[in-house]
């Protein structure tokens, strides 16, 4: 990983950034599929939104548990300690 000249901290993709990218992708794909295939695909953005609110309220969501166990991604708060 590269380091930033100003802060001296490692730059890269934190868990929160990956979760945000996944939620955006699921929302866009779910919206497109709802328009083109079936209205039932509108549930995908709803589920992504529920997961985002779980992360905000509880500090974790199912996707964050899976990503932190399967990959080496860590929360930005953990890395700044």
PDB file of N, CA and C in Angstrom:
ATOM      1  N   UNK A   1       0.833  -1.178   0.000  1.00  0.00           N
ATOM      2  CA  UNK A   1       0.000   0.000   0.000  1.00  0.00           C
ATOM      3  C   UNK A   1       0.876   1.239   0.000  1.00  0.00           C
ATOM      4  N   UNK A   2       0.400   2.272  -0.605  1.00  0.00           N
ATOM      5  CA  UNK A   2       1.169   3.504  -0.639  1.00  0.00           C
ATOM      6  C   UNK A   2       0.850   4.356   0.582  1.00  0.00           C
ATOM      7  N   UNK A   3       1.737   5.289   0.871  1.00  0.00           N
ATOM      8  CA  UNK A   3       1.510   6.180   1.995  1.00  0.00           C
ATOM      9  C   UNK A   3       1.251   7.579   1.495  1.00  0.00           C
ATOM     10  N   UNK A   4       0.470   8.301   2.239  1.00  0.00           N
ATOM     11  CA  UNK A   4       0.161   9.676   1.894  1.00  0.00           C
ATOM     12  C   UNK A   4       1.250  10.592   2.437  1.00  0.00           C
ATOM     13  N   UNK A   5       1.689  11.569   1.641  1.00  0.00           N
ATOM     14  CA  UNK A   5       2.767  12.469   2.050  1.00  0.00           C
ATOM     15  C   UNK A   5       2.341  13.382   3.188  1.00  0.00           C
ATOM     16  N   UNK A   6       1.093  13.845   3.178  1.00  0.00           N
ATOM     17  CA  UNK A   6       0.663  14.802   4.190  1.00  0.00           C
ATOM     18  C   UNK A   6       0.419  14.153   5.547  1.00  0.00           C
ATOM     19  N   UNK A   7      -0.219  12.991   5.568  1.00  0.00           N
ATOM     20  CA  UNK A   7      -0.633  12.404   6.836  1.00  0.00           C
ATOM     21  C   UNK A   7       0.282  11.285   7.303  1.00  0.00           C
ATOM     22  N   UNK A   8       0.987  10.659   6.398  1.00  0.00           N
ATOM     23  CA  UNK A   8       1.828   9.541   6.768  1.00  0.00           C
ATOM     24  C   UNK A   8       1.048   8.262   7.013  1.00  0.00           C
ATOM     25  N   UNK A   9      -0.254   8.263   6.744  1.00  0.00           N
ATOM     26  CA  UNK A   9      -1.083   7.087   6.939  1.00  0.00           C
ATOM     27  C   UNK A   9      -1.192   6.328   5.631  1.00  0.00           C
ATOM     28  N   UNK A  10      -1.478   5.042   5.740  1.00  0.00           N
ATOM     29  CA  UNK A  10      -1.666   4.226   4.553  1.00  0.00           C
ATOM     30  C   UNK A  10      -2.979   4.605   3.877  1.00  0.00           C
ATOM     31  N   UNK A  11      -2.943   4.657   2.559  1.00  0.00           N
ATOM     32  CA  UNK A  11      -4.180   4.916   1.829  1.00  0.00           C
ATOM     33  C   UNK A  11      -4.675   3.603   1.240  1.00  0.00           C
ATOM     34  N   UNK A  12      -5.947   3.494   1.053  1.00  0.00           N
ATOM     35  CA  UNK A  12      -6.517   2.278   0.492  1.00  0.00           C
ATOM     36  C   UNK A  12      -8.002   2.231   0.741  1.00  0.00           C
ATOM     37  N   UNK A  13      -8.545   1.080   0.523  1.00  0.00           N
ATOM     38  CA  UNK A  13      -9.980   0.898   0.661  1.00  0.00           C
ATOM     39  C   UNK A  13     -10.285   0.355   2.046  1.00  0.00           C
ATOM     40  N   UNK A  14     -10.970   1.142   2.815  1.00  0.00           N
ATOM     41  CA  UNK A  14     -11.422   0.718   4.136  1.00  0.00           C
ATOM     42  C   UNK A  14     -12.740  -0.026   4.004  1.00  0.00           C
ATOM     43  N   UNK A  15     -13.129  -0.702   5.056  1.00  0.00           N
ATOM     44  CA  UNK A  15     -14.360  -1.483   5.067  1.00  0.00           C
ATOM     45  C   UNK A  15     -15.562  -0.614   4.708  1.00  0.00           C
ATOM     46  N   UNK A  16     -15.633   0.580   5.273  1.00  0.00           N
ATOM     47  CA  UNK A  16     -16.771   1.462   5.013  1.00  0.00           C
ATOM     48  C   UNK A  16     -16.858   1.852   3.540  1.00  0.00           C
ATOM     49  N   UNK A  17     -15.709   2.076   2.926  1.00  0.00           N
ATOM     50  CA  UNK A  17     -15.694   2.468   1.511  1.00  0.00           C
ATOM     51  C   UNK A  17     -16.190   1.322   0.631  1.00  0.00           C
ATOM     52  N   UNK A  18     -15.782   0.105   0.940  1.00  0.00           N
ATOM     53  CA  UNK A  18     -16.234  -1.059   0.171  1.00  0.00           C
ATOM     54  C   UNK A  18     -17.728  -1.282   0.372  1.00  0.00           C
ATOM     55  N   UNK A  19     -18.205  -1.129   1.617  1.00  0.00           N
ATOM     56  CA  UNK A  19     -19.640  -1.283   1.875  1.00  0.00           C
ATOM     57  C   UNK A  19     -20.453  -0.242   1.118  1.00  0.00           C
ATOM     58  N   UNK A  20     -19.952   0.993   1.069  1.00  0.00           N
ATOM     59  CA  UNK A  20     -20.645   2.051   0.335  1.00  0.00           C
ATOM     60  C   UNK A  20     -20.686   1.725  -1.158  1.00  0.00           C
ATOM     61  N   UNK A  21     -19.594   1.228  -1.707  1.00  0.00           N
ATOM     62  CA  UNK A  21     -19.553   0.854  -3.120  1.00  0.00           C
ATOM     63  C   UNK A  21     -20.491  -0.308  -3.420  1.00  0.00           C
ATOM     64  N   UNK A  22     -20.529  -1.290  -2.517  1.00  0.00           N
ATOM     65  CA  UNK A  22     -21.434  -2.425  -2.713  1.00  0.00           C
ATOM     66  C   UNK A  22     -22.893  -1.980  -2.674  1.00  0.00           C
ATOM     67  N   UNK A  23     -23.240  -1.116  -1.720  1.00  0.00           N
ATOM     68  CA  UNK A  23     -24.620  -0.647  -1.605  1.00  0.00           C
ATOM     69  C   UNK A  23     -25.029   0.149  -2.838  1.00  0.00           C
ATOM     70  N   UNK A  24     -24.136   0.974  -3.329  1.00  0.00           N
ATOM     71  CA  UNK A  24     -24.436   1.733  -4.541  1.00  0.00           C
ATOM     72  C   UNK A  24     -24.630   0.834  -5.753  1.00  0.00           C
ATOM     73  N   UNK A  25     -23.786  -0.185  -5.868  1.00  0.00           N
ATOM     74  CA  UNK A  25     -23.897  -1.120  -6.987  1.00  0.00           C
ATOM     75  C   UNK A  25     -25.198  -1.908  -6.907  1.00  0.00           C
ATOM     76  N   UNK A  26     -25.528  -2.400  -5.721  1.00  0.00           N
ATOM     77  CA  UNK A  26     -26.779  -3.160  -5.550  1.00  0.00           C
ATOM     78  C   UNK A  26     -27.984  -2.272  -5.845  1.00  0.00           C
ATOM     79  N   UNK A  27     -27.935  -1.019  -5.436  1.00  0.00           N
ATOM     80  CA  UNK A  27     -29.055  -0.107  -5.688  1.00  0.00           C
ATOM     81  C   UNK A  27     -29.225   0.159  -7.181  1.00  0.00           C
ATOM     82  N   UNK A  28     -28.122   0.410  -7.869  1.00  0.00           N
ATOM     83  CA  UNK A  28     -28.202   0.671  -9.315  1.00  0.00           C
ATOM     84  C   UNK A  28     -28.654  -0.563 -10.097  1.00  0.00           C
ATOM     85  N   UNK A  29     -28.086  -1.700  -9.779  1.00  0.00           N
ATOM     86  CA  UNK A  29     -28.465  -2.935 -10.476  1.00  0.00           C
ATOM     87  C   UNK A  29     -29.910  -3.305 -10.160  1.00  0.00           C
ATOM     88  N   UNK A  30     -30.305  -3.173  -8.899  1.00  0.00           N
ATOM     89  CA  UNK A  30     -31.685  -3.482  -8.523  1.00  0.00           C
ATOM     90  C   UNK A  30     -32.689  -2.563  -9.206  1.00  0.00           C
ATOM     91  N   UNK A  31     -32.345  -1.275  -9.292  1.00  0.00           N
ATOM     92  CA  UNK A  31     -33.231  -0.339  -9.994  1.00  0.00           C
ATOM     93  C   UNK A  31     -33.353  -0.661 -11.471  1.00  0.00           C
ATOM     94  N   UNK A  32     -32.231  -0.972 -12.109  1.00  0.00           N
ATOM     95  CA  UNK A  32     -32.259  -1.314 -13.539  1.00  0.00           C
ATOM     96  C   UNK A  32     -33.038  -2.603 -13.779  1.00  0.00           C
ATOM     97  N   UNK A  33     -32.814  -3.601 -12.936  1.00  0.00           N
ATOM     98  CA  UNK A  33     -33.548  -4.864 -13.095  1.00  0.00           C
ATOM     99  C   UNK A  33     -35.036  -4.684 -12.823  1.00  0.00           C
ATOM    100  N   UNK A  34     -35.391  -3.810 -11.886  1.00  0.00           N
ATOM    101  CA  UNK A  34     -36.813  -3.553 -11.612  1.00  0.00           C
ATOM    102  C   UNK A  34     -37.487  -2.902 -12.819  1.00  0.00           C
ATOM    103  N   UNK A  35     -36.755  -2.041 -13.500  1.00  0.00           N
ATOM    104  CA  UNK A  35     -37.324  -1.398 -14.695  1.00  0.00           C
ATOM    105  C   UNK A  35     -37.393  -2.346 -15.891  1.00  0.00           C
ATOM    106  N   UNK A  36     -36.376  -3.177 -16.042  1.00  0.00           N
ATOM    107  CA  UNK A  36     -36.261  -3.981 -17.255  1.00  0.00           C
ATOM    108  C   UNK A  36     -36.806  -5.405 -17.141  1.00  0.00           C
ATOM    109  N   UNK A  37     -36.788  -5.983 -15.948  1.00  0.00           N
ATOM    110  CA  UNK A  37     -37.142  -7.396 -15.817  1.00  0.00           C
ATOM    111  C   UNK A  37     -38.431  -7.589 -15.019  1.00  0.00           C
ATOM    112  N   UNK A  38     -38.377  -7.228 -13.739  1.00  0.00           N
ATOM    113  CA  UNK A  38     -39.520  -7.471 -12.867  1.00  0.00           C
ATOM    114  C   UNK A  38     -39.524  -6.461 -11.727  1.00  0.00           C
ATOM    115  N   UNK A  39     -40.690  -5.971 -11.333  1.00  0.00           N
ATOM    116  CA  UNK A  39     -40.761  -5.033 -10.208  1.00  0.00           C
ATOM    117  C   UNK A  39     -40.262  -5.625  -8.892  1.00  0.00           C
ATOM    118  N   UNK A  40     -40.208  -6.931  -8.787  1.00  0.00           N
ATOM    119  CA  UNK A  40     -39.724  -7.566  -7.564  1.00  0.00           C
ATOM    120  C   UNK A  40     -38.253  -7.256  -7.288  1.00  0.00           C
ATOM    121  N   UNK A  41     -37.508  -6.907  -8.331  1.00  0.00           N
ATOM    122  CA  UNK A  41     -36.105  -6.546  -8.129  1.00  0.00           C
ATOM    123  C   UNK A  41     -35.959  -5.221  -7.379  1.00  0.00           C
ATOM    124  N   UNK A  42     -37.048  -4.495  -7.177  1.00  0.00           N
ATOM    125  CA  UNK A  42     -36.997  -3.259  -6.388  1.00  0.00           C
ATOM    126  C   UNK A  42     -36.690  -3.561  -4.918  1.00  0.00           C
ATOM    127  N   UNK A  43     -36.799  -4.810  -4.520  1.00  0.00           N
ATOM    128  CA  UNK A  43     -36.445  -5.188  -3.154  1.00  0.00           C
ATOM    129  C   UNK A  43     -34.937  -5.118  -2.905  1.00  0.00           C
ATOM    130  N   UNK A  44     -34.128  -5.242  -3.937  1.00  0.00           N
ATOM    131  CA  UNK A  44     -32.672  -5.182  -3.758  1.00  0.00           C
ATOM    132  C   UNK A  44     -32.210  -3.844  -3.177  1.00  0.00           C
ATOM    133  N   UNK A  45     -32.636  -2.700  -3.727  1.00  0.00           N
ATOM    134  CA  UNK A  45     -32.238  -1.434  -3.109  1.00  0.00           C
ATOM    135  C   UNK A  45     -32.789  -1.266  -1.692  1.00  0.00           C
ATOM    136  N   UNK A  46     -33.958  -1.826  -1.430  1.00  0.00           N
ATOM    137  CA  UNK A  46     -34.525  -1.759  -0.080  1.00  0.00           C
ATOM    138  C   UNK A  46     -33.632  -2.522   0.900  1.00  0.00           C
ATOM    139  N   UNK A  47     -33.202  -3.708   0.510  1.00  0.00           N
ATOM    140  CA  UNK A  47     -32.318  -4.490   1.372  1.00  0.00           C
ATOM    141  C   UNK A  47     -30.968  -3.812   1.568  1.00  0.00           C
ATOM    142  N   UNK A  48     -30.453  -3.176   0.534  1.00  0.00           N
ATOM    143  CA  UNK A  48     -29.191  -2.435   0.664  1.00  0.00           C
ATOM    144  C   UNK A  48     -29.363  -1.280   1.645  1.00  0.00           C
ATOM    145  N   UNK A  49     -30.494  -0.599   1.571  1.00  0.00           N
ATOM    146  CA  UNK A  49     -30.758   0.500   2.497  1.00  0.00           C
ATOM    147  C   UNK A  49     -30.892   0.028   3.933  1.00  0.00           C
ATOM    148  N   UNK A  50     -31.534  -1.115   4.127  1.00  0.00           N
ATOM    149  CA  UNK A  50     -31.656  -1.678   5.480  1.00  0.00           C
ATOM    150  C   UNK A  50     -30.279  -2.010   6.042  1.00  0.00           C
ATOM    151  N   UNK A  51     -29.416  -2.588   5.207  1.00  0.00           N
ATOM    152  CA  UNK A  51     -28.063  -2.899   5.660  1.00  0.00           C
ATOM    153  C   UNK A  51     -27.279  -1.638   6.006  1.00  0.00           C
ATOM    154  N   UNK A  52     -27.461  -0.568   5.229  1.00  0.00           N
ATOM    155  CA  UNK A  52     -26.774   0.687   5.536  1.00  0.00           C
ATOM    156  C   UNK A  52     -27.240   1.235   6.878  1.00  0.00           C
ATOM    157  N   UNK A  53     -28.530   1.196   7.136  1.00  0.00           N
ATOM    158  CA  UNK A  53     -29.033   1.692   8.416  1.00  0.00           C
ATOM    159  C   UNK A  53     -28.593   0.805   9.576  1.00  0.00           C
ATOM    160  N   UNK A  54     -28.502  -0.500   9.355  1.00  0.00           N
ATOM    161  CA  UNK A  54     -27.961  -1.382  10.390  1.00  0.00           C
ATOM    162  C   UNK A  54     -26.537  -0.987  10.742  1.00  0.00           C
ATOM    163  N   UNK A  55     -25.736  -0.672   9.731  1.00  0.00           N
ATOM    164  CA  UNK A  55     -24.359  -0.275   9.982  1.00  0.00           C
ATOM    165  C   UNK A  55     -24.303   1.046  10.747  1.00  0.00           C
ATOM    166  N   UNK A  56     -25.199   1.971  10.410  1.00  0.00           N
ATOM    167  CA  UNK A  56     -25.223   3.271  11.093  1.00  0.00           C
ATOM    168  C   UNK A  56     -25.650   3.116  12.551  1.00  0.00           C
ATOM    169  N   UNK A  57     -26.689   2.343  12.796  1.00  0.00           N
ATOM    170  CA  UNK A  57     -27.246   2.235  14.139  1.00  0.00           C
ATOM    171  C   UNK A  57     -26.426   1.306  15.037  1.00  0.00           C
ATOM    172  N   UNK A  58     -26.079   0.133  14.529  1.00  0.00           N
ATOM    173  CA  UNK A  58     -25.426  -0.889  15.335  1.00  0.00           C
ATOM    174  C   UNK A  58     -23.901  -0.838  15.210  1.00  0.00           C
ATOM    175  N   UNK A  59     -23.416  -0.370  14.079  1.00  0.00           N
ATOM    176  CA  UNK A  59     -21.974  -0.360  13.838  1.00  0.00           C
ATOM    177  C   UNK A  59     -21.512  -1.565  13.046  1.00  0.00           C
ATOM    178  N   UNK A  60     -22.446  -2.395  12.644  1.00  0.00           N
ATOM    179  CA  UNK A  60     -22.115  -3.572  11.845  1.00  0.00           C
ATOM    180  C   UNK A  60     -23.357  -4.009  11.073  1.00  0.00           C
ATOM    181  N   UNK A  61     -23.125  -4.701   9.979  1.00  0.00           N
ATOM    182  CA  UNK A  61     -24.217  -5.276   9.192  1.00  0.00           C
ATOM    183  C   UNK A  61     -23.730  -6.629   8.690  1.00  0.00           C
ATOM    184  N   UNK A  62     -24.610  -7.449   8.143  1.00  0.00           N
ATOM    185  CA  UNK A  62     -24.171  -8.763   7.662  1.00  0.00           C
ATOM    186  C   UNK A  62     -23.019  -8.683   6.662  1.00  0.00           C
ATOM    187  N   UNK A  63     -23.062  -7.712   5.771  1.00  0.00           N
ATOM    188  CA  UNK A  63     -21.985  -7.585   4.787  1.00  0.00           C
ATOM    189  C   UNK A  63     -20.658  -7.227   5.444  1.00  0.00           C
ATOM    190  N   UNK A  64     -20.689  -6.410   6.491  1.00  0.00           N
ATOM    191  CA  UNK A  64     -19.441  -6.045   7.160  1.00  0.00           C
ATOM    192  C   UNK A  64     -18.834  -7.242   7.879  1.00  0.00           C
ATOM    193  N   UNK A  65     -19.667  -8.111   8.451  1.00  0.00           N
ATOM    194  CA  UNK A  65     -19.154  -9.319   9.093  1.00  0.00           C
ATOM    195  C   UNK A  65     -18.476 -10.230   8.073  1.00  0.00           C
ATOM    196  N   UNK A  66     -19.136 -10.429   6.940  1.00  0.00           N
ATOM    197  CA  UNK A  66     -18.590 -11.310   5.910  1.00  0.00           C
ATOM    198  C   UNK A  66     -17.290 -10.735   5.348  1.00  0.00           C
ATOM    199  N   UNK A  67     -17.294  -9.456   5.005  1.00  0.00           N
ATOM    200  CA  UNK A  67     -16.101  -8.846   4.418  1.00  0.00           C
ATOM    201  C   UNK A  67     -14.918  -8.828   5.378  1.00  0.00           C
ATOM    202  N   UNK A  68     -15.160  -8.558   6.637  1.00  0.00           N
ATOM    203  CA  UNK A  68     -14.048  -8.514   7.588  1.00  0.00           C
ATOM    204  C   UNK A  68     -13.474  -9.900   7.860  1.00  0.00           C
ATOM    205  N   UNK A  69     -14.285 -10.954   7.721  1.00  0.00           N
ATOM    206  CA  UNK A  69     -13.783 -12.305   7.958  1.00  0.00           C
ATOM    207  C   UNK A  69     -13.138 -12.912   6.710  1.00  0.00           C
ATOM    208  N   UNK A  70     -13.689 -12.609   5.535  1.00  0.00           N
ATOM    209  CA  UNK A  70     -13.200 -13.215   4.300  1.00  0.00           C
ATOM    210  C   UNK A  70     -11.997 -12.454   3.737  1.00  0.00           C
ATOM    211  N   UNK A  71     -11.992 -11.145   3.867  1.00  0.00           N
ATOM    212  CA  UNK A  71     -10.908 -10.325   3.327  1.00  0.00           C
ATOM    213  C   UNK A  71     -10.094  -9.724   4.469  1.00  0.00           C
ATOM    214  N   UNK A  72      -9.099  -8.965   4.100  1.00  0.00           N
ATOM    215  CA  UNK A  72      -8.274  -8.296   5.109  1.00  0.00           C
ATOM    216  C   UNK A  72      -8.733  -6.860   5.345  1.00  0.00           C
ATOM    217  N   UNK A  73      -9.949  -6.533   4.935  1.00  0.00           N
ATOM    218  CA  UNK A  73     -10.464  -5.178   5.117  1.00  0.00           C
ATOM    219  C   UNK A  73     -10.730  -4.891   6.586  1.00  0.00           C
ATOM    220  N   UNK A  74     -10.373  -3.700   7.001  1.00  0.00           N
ATOM    221  CA  UNK A  74     -10.611  -3.265   8.376  1.00  0.00           C
ATOM    222  C   UNK A  74     -11.282  -1.905   8.356  1.00  0.00           C
ATOM    223  N   UNK A  75     -11.968  -1.594   9.419  1.00  0.00           N
ATOM    224  CA  UNK A  75     -12.646  -0.312   9.558  1.00  0.00           C
ATOM    225  C   UNK A  75     -11.619   0.805   9.659  1.00  0.00           C
ATOM    226  N   UNK A  76     -11.975   1.974   9.182  1.00  0.00           N
ATOM    227  CA  UNK A  76     -11.086   3.131   9.274  1.00  0.00           C
ATOM    228  C   UNK A  76     -10.823   3.481  10.736  1.00  0.00           C
ATOM    229  N   UNK A  77     -11.799   3.264  11.611  1.00  0.00           N
ATOM    230  CA  UNK A  77     -11.612   3.540  13.036  1.00  0.00           C
ATOM    231  C   UNK A  77     -10.598   2.584  13.646  1.00  0.00           C
ATOM    232  N   UNK A  78     -10.596   1.327  13.226  1.00  0.00           N
ATOM    233  CA  UNK A  78      -9.622   0.363  13.742  1.00  0.00           C
ATOM    234  C   UNK A  78      -8.208   0.702  13.304  1.00  0.00           C
ATOM    235  N   UNK A  79      -8.063   1.173  12.081  1.00  0.00           N
ATOM    236  CA  UNK A  79      -6.740   1.440  11.541  1.00  0.00           C
ATOM    237  C   UNK A  79      -6.131   2.728  12.084  1.00  0.00           C
ATOM    238  N   UNK A  80      -6.971   3.644  12.569  1.00  0.00           N
ATOM    239  CA  UNK A  80      -6.442   4.908  13.063  1.00  0.00           C
ATOM    240  C   UNK A  80      -5.972   4.815  14.507  1.00  0.00           C
ATOM    241  N   UNK A  81      -6.230   3.698  15.164  1.00  0.00           N
ATOM    242  CA  UNK A  81      -5.815   3.524  16.575  1.00  0.00           C
ATOM    243  C   UNK A  81      -4.333   3.323  16.688  1.00  0.00           C
TER     244      UNK A  81
END
